[in-house]
Amino acid sequence: MRFAAGGRALERLAGAGGKPGRATRVPARWRTVASGIDPWSEGVEVPDQAWLRRPGPALAREALQQTVLFPVTRFVAHPRVIGAADLMHVPQPAVLAPNHASDMDTPLVLAALPRAWRTRTVIGAASDRFYRRRRYAVAAGLWINTVPFDRGGESRGLADAAELLREGWNVLLYPQGTRTSGMEGFRSGVARLCVAAGVPLIPVHVGGTALLMPKGRGVIQRGKTTVAFGRPVYPSPDEDPLDLMARAAEAVAALAASSAR
């Protein structure tokens, strides 16, 4: 009995901080002090900011593009546009597939598109580059209507793009995957998307931008560029995506040759 009583006395002393008769006090709220970057947040990408495709943000984006982005782009790049009017005879939605040499390519293509196309076009942006922070994602979405595209898990990125096509959006994706000099490195993912969704692929060639804004650098000079839109490439039923991508790459190369004349 003594041991039991002594044990209860020790429990009371421990619960009262070693002072008999003092009630246990539990903090109402623990204070958390954060320092530095959360180690668990590294590598976590920001999700699609779909609210930026609503009417209000869309009007703000059109105003920003027409008053700031497009005038600056035209002043620096002085683009010559070929074949944009022919897009009015092409059914939407579709996949636009330009070559990619510079960060200037996207605003040039958007500025060259007819408004009926531009307002219904989203840009597949590398999620590991543009969606690392929410402020980056919101800025990119507000300026050029981006959606995250996972280059590491391409199938997941293509599935998200297919959902947007089903919703009636045109999708601009770069078949080369990243900024590349020349016409090499066209991947079959864009063609897989067109075959699966049954939508046309619009070949696009952008020329001259690598000289004005090389990869990894800002604008270094002004100059002249070209944006050429080709005839739509329609996938055949059950066509091998590699065959479709080969046809699209040939079309982009033909646009490059014709626009250089």
Protein backbone atom coordinates (compact mmCIF):
# COMPACT_ATOMS: atom_id res chain seq x y z
CA MET A 1 0.00 0.00 0.00
CA ARG A 2 2.86 2.31 0.73
CA PHE A 3 4.33 1.74 -2.67
CA ALA A 4 0.97 2.48 -4.29
CA ALA A 5 0.49 5.62 -2.25
CA GLY A 6 4.05 6.71 -2.92
CA GLY A 7 3.57 6.16 -6.63
CA ARG A 8 0.49 8.40 -6.65
CA ALA A 9 2.42 11.06 -4.75
CA LEU A 10 5.20 10.96 -7.32
CA GLU A 11 2.66 11.29 -10.14
CA ARG A 12 1.13 14.33 -8.47
CA LEU A 13 4.55 15.90 -8.00
CA ALA A 14 5.53 15.25 -11.61
CA GLY A 15 2.25 16.66 -12.94
CA ALA A 16 2.58 19.79 -10.78
CA GLY A 17 6.14 20.52 -11.84
CA GLY A 18 7.61 19.14 -8.62
CA LYS A 19 5.54 21.40 -6.28
CA PRO A 20 2.80 19.72 -4.24
CA GLY A 21 -0.65 21.21 -4.49
CA ARG A 22 0.01 23.06 -7.77
CA ALA A 23 -2.33 22.27 -10.67
CA THR A 24 -0.94 21.24 -14.02
CA ARG A 25 -0.86 24.13 -16.54
CA VAL A 26 -1.05 23.29 -20.22
CA PRO A 27 -0.21 26.00 -22.75
CA ALA A 28 -3.33 27.14 -24.63
CA ARG A 29 -1.34 27.47 -27.87
CA TRP A 30 2.15 26.43 -28.84
CA ARG A 31 4.17 29.05 -30.67
CA THR A 32 5.79 27.80 -33.89
CA VAL A 33 8.85 29.55 -35.18
CA ALA A 34 9.65 28.94 -38.87
CA SER A 35 13.13 29.55 -40.21
CA GLY A 36 14.31 29.09 -43.80
CA ILE A 37 12.67 27.07 -46.57
CA ASP A 38 10.31 24.27 -45.62
CA PRO A 39 12.26 21.10 -46.53
CA TRP A 40 9.02 19.26 -47.33
CA SER A 41 8.00 21.91 -49.90
CA GLU A 42 11.03 21.35 -52.13
CA GLY A 43 10.02 19.87 -55.49
CA VAL A 44 6.30 20.45 -54.92
CA GLU A 45 4.90 22.25 -57.95
CA VAL A 46 2.01 24.70 -57.98
CA PRO A 47 -1.20 23.32 -59.55
CA ASP A 48 -2.95 24.74 -62.59
CA GLN A 49 -4.38 28.22 -61.90
CA ALA A 50 -7.63 27.51 -63.75
CA TRP A 51 -9.31 30.66 -62.36
CA LEU A 52 -7.12 32.71 -64.71
CA ARG A 53 -9.14 31.35 -67.66
CA ARG A 54 -12.37 32.90 -66.35
CA PRO A 55 -13.86 35.93 -68.16
CA GLY A 56 -12.51 38.57 -65.75
CA PRO A 57 -8.86 37.50 -65.82
CA ALA A 58 -9.18 36.84 -69.57
CA LEU A 59 -10.16 40.49 -70.13
CA ALA A 60 -7.23 41.64 -68.00
CA ARG A 61 -4.89 39.39 -69.98
CA GLU A 62 -6.13 40.78 -73.30
CA ALA A 63 -5.58 44.33 -72.05
CA LEU A 64 -2.06 43.55 -70.81
CA GLN A 65 -1.15 41.82 -74.05
CA GLN A 66 -2.48 44.56 -76.32
CA THR A 67 -1.02 47.47 -74.34
CA VAL A 68 2.29 46.03 -73.10
CA LEU A 69 3.36 42.56 -74.21
CA PHE A 70 2.60 42.68 -77.94
CA PRO A 71 3.82 46.26 -78.58
CA VAL A 72 7.13 45.50 -76.84
CA THR A 73 7.47 42.19 -78.70
CA ARG A 74 6.81 43.84 -82.09
CA PHE A 75 9.22 46.67 -81.29
CA VAL A 76 12.03 44.23 -80.49
CA ALA A 77 11.32 41.46 -83.04
CA HIS A 78 9.60 43.24 -85.95
CA PRO A 79 7.81 40.03 -87.02
CA ARG A 80 6.63 39.08 -90.50
CA VAL A 81 3.53 36.87 -90.20
CA ILE A 82 2.67 34.26 -92.85
CA GLY A 83 -0.50 32.18 -93.09
CA ALA A 84 -2.31 33.42 -89.98
CA ALA A 85 -5.45 34.34 -91.94
CA ASP A 86 -5.73 30.75 -93.22
CA LEU A 87 -6.35 29.57 -89.67
CA MET A 88 -9.88 30.95 -89.89
CA HIS A 89 -10.68 27.96 -92.14
CA VAL A 90 -9.26 25.41 -89.69
CA PRO A 91 -11.55 23.77 -87.12
CA GLN A 92 -10.90 24.30 -83.44
CA PRO A 93 -9.75 22.92 -81.07
CA ALA A 94 -6.32 22.07 -82.40
CA VAL A 95 -2.73 21.63 -81.25
CA LEU A 96 -0.25 24.29 -82.32
CA ALA A 97 3.26 22.88 -82.65
CA PRO A 98 6.03 25.47 -83.20
CA ASN A 99 9.77 24.99 -83.12
CA HIS A 100 11.33 26.50 -80.00
CA ALA A 101 14.55 28.54 -79.86
CA SER A 102 13.78 31.40 -77.45
CA ASP A 103 11.44 32.67 -74.75
CA MET A 104 10.34 35.22 -77.33
CA ASP A 105 8.63 32.50 -79.41
CA THR A 106 5.44 32.33 -77.33
CA PRO A 107 4.50 36.05 -77.34
CA LEU A 108 5.31 36.20 -81.08
CA VAL A 109 3.00 33.28 -81.88
CA LEU A 110 0.24 34.69 -79.68
CA ALA A 111 0.54 38.14 -81.25
CA ALA A 112 0.32 36.59 -84.73
CA LEU A 113 -2.77 34.48 -84.01
CA PRO A 114 -6.21 35.78 -84.98
CA ARG A 115 -8.12 36.89 -81.89
CA ALA A 116 -10.65 34.06 -82.33
CA TRP A 117 -7.76 31.64 -81.86
CA ARG A 118 -5.69 33.52 -79.31
CA THR A 119 -8.49 33.86 -76.75
CA ARG A 120 -9.08 30.08 -76.92
CA THR A 121 -5.43 29.00 -76.75
CA VAL A 122 -3.51 27.84 -73.68
CA ILE A 123 0.26 27.43 -73.54
CA GLY A 124 1.81 24.26 -72.15
CA ALA A 125 4.55 25.59 -69.85
CA ALA A 126 7.19 23.45 -68.17
CA SER A 127 5.91 22.90 -64.64
CA ASP A 128 9.44 22.57 -63.23
CA ARG A 129 10.25 26.05 -64.51
CA PHE A 130 7.09 28.15 -64.44
CA TYR A 131 5.18 26.42 -61.61
CA ARG A 132 7.81 26.27 -58.86
CA ARG A 133 6.18 29.18 -57.01
CA ARG A 134 2.63 30.46 -57.03
CA ARG A 135 3.67 33.98 -58.00
CA TYR A 136 5.47 32.60 -61.07
CA ALA A 137 2.43 30.53 -62.02
CA VAL A 138 0.02 33.46 -61.65
CA ALA A 139 2.29 35.81 -63.61
CA ALA A 140 2.72 33.33 -66.48
CA GLY A 141 -0.99 32.49 -66.55
CA LEU A 142 -2.03 36.13 -66.52
CA TRP A 143 0.37 37.18 -69.28
CA ILE A 144 0.17 34.25 -71.73
CA ASN A 145 -2.51 31.85 -70.40
CA THR A 146 -0.22 28.99 -69.40
CA VAL A 147 -1.08 25.58 -68.00
CA PRO A 148 1.50 23.35 -66.28
CA PHE A 149 3.02 20.60 -68.41
CA ASP A 150 5.00 17.93 -66.59
CA ARG A 151 8.03 17.14 -68.75
CA GLY A 152 9.19 14.48 -66.34
CA GLY A 153 5.89 12.59 -66.55
CA GLU A 154 4.94 13.33 -70.15
CA SER A 155 1.92 11.01 -70.14
CA ARG A 156 0.40 12.96 -67.26
CA GLY A 157 1.04 16.23 -69.11
CA LEU A 158 -0.55 14.86 -72.27
CA ALA A 159 -3.59 13.64 -70.33
CA ASP A 160 -4.11 17.14 -68.90
CA ALA A 161 -3.76 18.63 -72.39
CA ALA A 162 -6.32 16.16 -73.77
CA GLU A 163 -8.79 17.29 -71.09
CA LEU A 164 -8.32 20.91 -72.17
CA LEU A 165 -8.90 19.95 -75.80
CA ARG A 166 -12.14 18.23 -74.78
CA GLU A 167 -13.17 21.49 -73.11
CA GLY A 168 -12.66 23.31 -76.42
CA TRP A 169 -9.26 24.92 -75.80
CA ASN A 170 -6.49 24.99 -78.38
CA VAL A 171 -3.20 23.85 -76.86
CA LEU A 172 0.23 25.18 -77.85
CA LEU A 173 2.98 22.66 -77.14
CA TYR A 174 6.60 22.69 -78.26
CA PRO A 175 7.45 19.28 -79.78
CA GLN A 176 11.16 19.81 -79.09
CA GLY A 177 10.39 19.98 -75.37
CA THR A 178 12.83 22.77 -74.64
CA ARG A 179 14.59 25.65 -76.37
CA THR A 180 16.77 24.17 -79.10
CA SER A 181 18.81 25.61 -81.94
CA GLY A 182 17.91 24.06 -85.27
CA MET A 183 15.09 21.74 -86.26
CA GLU A 184 16.19 18.59 -84.44
CA GLY A 185 14.69 16.80 -81.47
CA PHE A 186 10.99 16.66 -82.37
CA ARG A 187 9.33 14.25 -79.95
CA SER A 188 6.26 12.15 -80.62
CA GLY A 189 4.27 13.27 -77.56
CA VAL A 190 2.42 16.04 -79.39
CA ALA A 191 1.52 13.59 -82.16
CA ARG A 192 0.27 11.07 -79.58
CA LEU A 193 -2.01 13.77 -78.21
CA CYS A 194 -3.44 14.59 -81.66
CA VAL A 195 -4.07 10.93 -82.48
CA ALA A 196 -5.72 10.26 -79.11
CA ALA A 197 -7.90 13.40 -79.19
CA GLY A 198 -8.60 13.33 -82.94
CA VAL A 199 -7.61 16.96 -83.47
CA PRO A 200 -5.45 18.57 -86.18
CA LEU A 201 -1.84 19.60 -85.61
CA ILE A 202 -0.92 23.10 -86.80
CA PRO A 203 2.76 23.32 -87.81
CA VAL A 204 4.33 26.66 -86.91
CA HIS A 205 7.79 27.98 -87.61
CA VAL A 206 9.30 30.90 -85.67
CA GLY A 207 12.54 32.21 -87.16
CA GLY A 208 15.18 34.64 -85.93
CA THR A 209 14.39 34.70 -82.22
CA ALA A 210 17.56 32.89 -81.12
CA LEU A 211 19.60 35.84 -82.38
CA LEU A 212 17.55 38.36 -80.39
CA MET A 213 17.00 36.44 -77.16
CA PRO A 214 19.26 33.38 -76.88
CA LYS A 215 18.61 30.62 -74.39
CA GLY A 216 19.64 31.64 -70.89
CA ARG A 217 19.94 35.33 -71.77
CA GLY A 218 17.66 38.32 -72.09
CA VAL A 219 17.10 40.45 -75.16
CA ILE A 220 20.53 41.33 -76.58
CA GLN A 221 19.48 43.18 -79.73
CA ARG A 222 16.60 44.13 -81.98
CA GLY A 223 16.02 42.45 -85.32
CA LYS A 224 13.59 40.81 -87.70
CA THR A 225 11.69 37.58 -87.17
CA THR A 226 9.11 35.45 -88.97
CA VAL A 227 6.08 33.54 -87.74
CA ALA A 228 4.70 31.13 -90.35
CA PHE A 229 1.60 28.94 -89.95
CA GLY A 230 1.23 25.89 -92.19
CA ARG A 231 -1.65 23.76 -93.37
CA PRO A 232 -3.14 21.59 -90.64
CA VAL A 233 -1.83 18.05 -90.43
CA TYR A 234 -4.73 15.70 -89.70
CA PRO A 235 -4.06 12.37 -87.99
CA SER A 236 -5.32 9.29 -89.76
CA PRO A 237 -7.31 6.75 -87.72
CA ASP A 238 -4.90 4.53 -85.78
CA GLU A 239 -1.90 6.35 -87.27
CA ASP A 240 1.45 5.71 -85.62
CA PRO A 241 2.34 8.92 -83.71
CA LEU A 242 5.90 8.66 -85.04
CA ASP A 243 4.58 8.88 -88.60
CA LEU A 244 2.40 11.87 -87.75
CA MET A 245 5.29 13.62 -86.01
CA ALA A 246 7.51 13.00 -89.04
CA ARG A 247 4.91 14.65 -91.27
CA ALA A 248 4.62 17.58 -88.87
CA ALA A 249 8.41 18.02 -88.64
CA GLU A 250 8.63 18.05 -92.44
CA ALA A 251 5.92 20.72 -92.54
CA VAL A 252 7.77 22.91 -90.02
CA ALA A 253 11.02 22.49 -91.98
CA ALA A 254 9.22 23.46 -95.19
CA LEU A 255 7.87 26.58 -93.49
CA ALA A 256 11.41 27.45 -92.36
CA ALA A 257 12.72 27.12 -95.90
CA SER A 258 9.90 29.12 -97.49
CA SER A 259 10.00 31.94 -94.93
CA ALA A 260 13.76 32.34 -95.37
CA ARG A 261 13.37 33.32 -99.02
